[in-house]
Amino acid sequence: MNKVAIIAQTKEGQLSDASIQLLNFVSSYQPASILLLVLGDVKFDSLPSSTAVEVLRLSDGLWVDSASLQPVIKAVEGYAVFGVKSIQIDNILSLL
């Protein structure tokens, strides 16, 4: 894996445990680039310190239609895209 994008979940400004586990798992393969797509705001101190990632914040209402996802689709071009199982993330992944 050269470039990996992870669509992560947050709760109260923190990455969900499942998102942290996925981030740690992906980073163990030492990809050239990790892009973390975050739904809502995230405190940067909640990111694992051993992982260098680029963060792209997504708006909470982003999954409404495919037209609103065009900037995200362009941002993840050439990346393997992963996400934890959730209704919001499933909707986003289905539009990518």
Protein backbone atom coordinates (compact mmCIF):
# COMPACT_ATOMS: atom_id res chain seq x y z
CA MET A 1 0.00 0.00 0.00
CA ASN A 2 1.55 3.26 -1.09
CA LYS A 3 -1.20 5.73 -0.26
CA VAL A 4 -4.04 5.03 2.16
CA ALA A 5 -7.06 7.16 3.02
CA ILE A 6 -9.05 6.36 6.16
CA ILE A 7 -12.54 7.73 6.74
CA ALA A 8 -12.61 8.04 10.52
CA GLN A 9 -15.34 8.63 13.05
CA THR A 10 -15.16 11.05 15.94
CA LYS A 11 -17.11 11.50 19.12
CA GLU A 12 -16.79 14.67 21.16
CA GLY A 13 -13.65 15.67 19.27
CA GLN A 14 -11.85 12.35 19.72
CA LEU A 15 -11.26 9.58 17.20
CA SER A 16 -13.39 6.52 17.86
CA ASP A 17 -11.57 3.48 19.21
CA ALA A 18 -12.28 1.60 15.97
CA SER A 19 -10.80 4.45 13.91
CA ILE A 20 -7.66 4.50 16.07
CA GLN A 21 -7.30 0.73 15.69
CA LEU A 22 -7.67 1.02 11.91
CA LEU A 23 -5.16 3.88 11.77
CA ASN A 24 -2.65 1.88 13.83
CA PHE A 25 -3.18 -1.23 11.69
CA VAL A 26 -2.69 0.68 8.43
CA SER A 27 0.34 2.55 9.75
CA SER A 28 2.00 -0.76 10.69
CA TYR A 29 2.34 -1.40 6.93
CA GLN A 30 4.27 1.88 6.62
CA PRO A 31 2.44 3.34 3.62
CA ALA A 32 4.05 6.28 1.83
CA SER A 33 1.07 8.49 2.71
CA ILE A 34 -1.93 8.35 5.07
CA LEU A 35 -4.83 10.74 4.56
CA LEU A 36 -7.26 10.77 7.48
CA LEU A 37 -10.74 11.95 6.47
CA VAL A 38 -12.50 13.06 9.65
CA LEU A 39 -16.24 13.56 10.05
CA GLY A 40 -16.51 16.70 12.16
CA ASP A 41 -13.77 18.17 14.32
CA VAL A 42 -11.00 16.18 15.96
CA LYS A 43 -8.47 17.26 18.54
CA PHE A 44 -5.02 16.62 17.17
CA ASP A 45 -3.88 15.21 20.51
CA SER A 46 -6.26 12.31 19.88
CA LEU A 47 -4.19 11.11 16.93
CA PRO A 48 -1.65 8.41 17.75
CA SER A 49 1.66 10.24 18.14
CA SER A 50 3.66 7.57 16.29
CA THR A 51 1.67 8.07 13.09
CA ALA A 52 2.27 10.93 10.64
CA VAL A 53 -0.98 11.67 8.84
CA GLU A 54 -2.56 14.42 6.79
CA VAL A 55 -6.02 15.34 8.09
CA LEU A 56 -8.93 16.43 5.90
CA ARG A 57 -12.05 17.51 7.78
CA LEU A 58 -15.39 16.57 6.25
CA SER A 59 -18.67 18.28 7.09
CA ASP A 60 -21.25 16.24 8.99
CA GLY A 61 -23.81 16.54 6.16
CA LEU A 62 -21.43 15.51 3.42
CA TRP A 63 -22.98 12.14 2.60
CA VAL A 64 -26.24 13.69 1.36
CA ASP A 65 -25.42 13.46 -2.36
CA SER A 66 -22.60 12.58 -4.74
CA ALA A 67 -22.20 16.18 -5.97
CA SER A 68 -21.13 17.35 -2.50
CA LEU A 69 -18.51 14.59 -2.46
CA GLN A 70 -16.66 15.68 -5.61
CA PRO A 71 -13.84 17.45 -3.69
CA VAL A 72 -13.40 14.35 -1.51
CA ILE A 73 -13.38 12.05 -4.53
CA LYS A 74 -10.62 14.17 -6.05
CA ALA A 75 -8.67 14.21 -2.76
CA VAL A 76 -8.64 10.39 -2.46
CA GLU A 77 -7.78 9.70 -6.09
CA GLY A 78 -4.97 7.14 -6.14
CA TYR A 79 -5.52 6.14 -2.51
CA ALA A 80 -6.79 2.84 -1.12
CA VAL A 81 -9.80 3.96 0.96
CA PHE A 82 -10.79 2.32 4.25
CA GLY A 83 -13.36 3.13 6.91
CA VAL A 84 -14.88 1.60 10.00
CA LYS A 85 -18.38 0.13 9.77
CA SER A 86 -21.05 2.79 10.29
CA ILE A 87 -24.07 4.10 8.42
CA GLN A 88 -22.40 7.47 7.68
CA ILE A 89 -19.16 5.95 6.44
CA ASP A 90 -21.00 3.26 4.42
CA ASN A 91 -22.92 6.04 2.66
CA ILE A 92 -19.72 7.94 1.84
CA LEU A 93 -17.91 4.83 0.62
CA SER A 94 -20.86 3.91 -1.60
CA LEU A 95 -20.56 7.30 -3.35
CA LEU A 96 -16.80 6.97 -3.89
